[in-house]
């Protein structure tokens, strides 16, 4: 099975975040997908209220992750820099250092950056 890394580093307010999740989930049907959140991308996993801003939320997409071969990772330093803790997140996620994330990426056959 091919291993693919998706890196979400942008804010959750853009269409890119939705598309990244959709494409990652589609690939998760036939590939091992590592969905990695760094920098402002970690906000996508937080319990914010996107509907209050007129933006479609991510909860429905995240609820379907269990049906595909997709693992969630977040950079520990990115969470810390933004004052987020594990309990502030919508889904359980594996916290990794940037060195560990580099290792995940280096073992991937494809890398998508959003």
Protein backbone atom coordinates (compact mmCIF):
# COMPACT_ATOMS: atom_id res chain seq x y z
CA UNK A 1 0.00 0.00 0.00
CA UNK A 2 1.37 3.40 -0.93
CA UNK A 3 2.07 5.89 1.85
CA UNK A 4 1.09 9.52 1.29
CA UNK A 5 1.63 12.54 3.55
CA UNK A 6 -0.74 15.51 3.58
CA UNK A 7 0.59 18.59 5.32
CA UNK A 8 -1.96 21.20 6.30
CA UNK A 9 -0.19 24.36 7.37
CA UNK A 10 -2.61 27.14 6.40
CA UNK A 11 -5.50 28.61 8.30
CA UNK A 12 -8.80 26.70 8.38
CA UNK A 13 -10.70 29.64 6.88
CA UNK A 14 -9.73 28.87 3.29
CA UNK A 15 -11.24 26.44 0.79
CA UNK A 16 -7.87 24.66 0.74
CA UNK A 17 -8.47 23.08 4.13
CA UNK A 18 -11.77 21.52 3.02
CA UNK A 19 -10.25 20.27 -0.21
CA UNK A 20 -7.23 18.85 1.60
CA UNK A 21 -9.48 16.79 3.88
CA UNK A 22 -11.64 15.58 1.00
CA UNK A 23 -8.67 14.54 -1.14
CA UNK A 24 -6.91 12.91 1.81
CA UNK A 25 -10.02 10.90 2.63
CA UNK A 26 -10.44 9.81 -0.98
CA UNK A 27 -6.82 8.63 -1.10
CA UNK A 28 -7.31 6.92 2.27
CA UNK A 29 -9.51 4.36 0.53
CA UNK A 30 -6.53 2.85 -1.30
CA UNK A 31 -3.45 4.42 0.38
CA UNK A 32 -2.03 4.87 3.85
CA UNK A 33 -2.48 8.59 4.49
CA UNK A 34 -0.66 10.59 7.15
CA UNK A 35 -2.58 13.82 7.68
CA UNK A 36 -0.15 16.21 9.37
CA UNK A 37 -1.17 19.55 10.89
CA UNK A 38 1.50 22.18 11.47
CA UNK A 39 1.60 25.95 12.01
CA UNK A 40 -1.88 27.51 11.66
CA UNK A 41 -3.17 24.21 10.26
CA UNK A 42 -3.62 22.96 13.84
CA UNK A 43 -6.58 25.33 14.19
CA UNK A 44 -8.52 23.06 11.85
CA UNK A 45 -8.55 20.44 14.60
CA UNK A 46 -9.60 22.85 17.35
CA UNK A 47 -13.08 23.36 18.75
CA UNK A 48 -13.74 26.73 17.11
CA UNK A 49 -17.09 27.80 15.71
CA UNK A 50 -16.69 28.18 11.92
CA UNK A 51 -20.43 28.55 11.37
CA UNK A 52 -20.37 31.82 13.31
CA UNK A 53 -18.06 33.13 10.57
CA UNK A 54 -20.22 31.77 7.77
CA UNK A 55 -17.82 28.92 7.03
CA UNK A 56 -18.73 25.25 6.76
CA UNK A 57 -17.22 23.29 9.65
CA UNK A 58 -14.98 20.24 9.47
CA UNK A 59 -16.73 18.04 12.03
CA UNK A 60 -18.70 15.98 9.49
CA UNK A 61 -15.57 15.32 7.46
CA UNK A 62 -13.57 14.43 10.57
CA UNK A 63 -16.34 12.09 11.77
CA UNK A 64 -15.82 9.95 8.66
CA UNK A 65 -12.09 9.44 9.16
CA UNK A 66 -12.64 6.06 10.80
CA UNK A 67 -13.83 4.63 7.46
CA UNK A 68 -10.55 5.24 5.63
CA UNK A 69 -6.88 4.47 6.22
CA UNK A 70 -5.91 7.86 7.60
CA UNK A 71 -3.88 8.82 10.66
CA UNK A 72 -3.88 12.29 12.26
CA UNK A 73 -0.70 13.99 13.48
CA UNK A 74 -0.06 17.46 14.85
CA UNK A 75 3.21 19.18 15.59
CA UNK A 76 3.49 19.62 19.34
CA UNK A 77 5.28 22.99 19.06
CA UNK A 78 2.56 24.41 16.76
CA UNK A 79 -0.11 23.55 19.31
CA UNK A 80 1.93 24.99 22.15
CA UNK A 81 2.71 28.23 20.27
CA UNK A 82 -1.03 28.75 19.73
CA UNK A 83 -2.04 27.93 23.30
CA UNK A 84 -3.84 24.71 22.30
CA UNK A 85 -3.88 21.50 24.31
CA UNK A 86 -4.92 17.98 23.38
CA UNK A 87 -8.34 18.50 25.03
CA UNK A 88 -8.96 21.53 22.77
CA UNK A 89 -9.03 19.27 19.70
CA UNK A 90 -12.06 17.68 18.00
CA UNK A 91 -10.37 14.32 17.40
CA UNK A 92 -7.60 12.32 19.02
CA UNK A 93 -4.34 13.10 17.30
CA UNK A 94 -0.77 11.89 17.69
CA UNK A 95 1.50 14.73 18.76
CA UNK A 96 4.91 14.68 17.09
CA UNK A 97 8.02 16.82 17.09
CA UNK A 98 9.12 18.41 13.82
CA UNK A 99 11.93 15.84 13.57
CA UNK A 100 9.40 13.01 13.84
CA UNK A 101 7.21 14.70 11.23
CA UNK A 102 10.20 14.97 8.89
CA UNK A 103 10.69 11.24 9.34
CA UNK A 104 7.04 10.53 8.42
CA UNK A 105 7.40 12.68 5.32
CA UNK A 106 10.69 11.07 4.26
CA UNK A 107 9.02 7.63 4.28
CA UNK A 108 6.10 8.80 2.13
CA UNK A 109 5.87 8.09 -1.58
CA UNK A 110 3.90 11.27 -2.17
CA UNK A 111 3.62 14.57 -0.30
CA UNK A 112 0.88 17.18 -0.66
CA UNK A 113 1.21 20.58 1.03
CA UNK A 114 -1.90 22.67 1.64
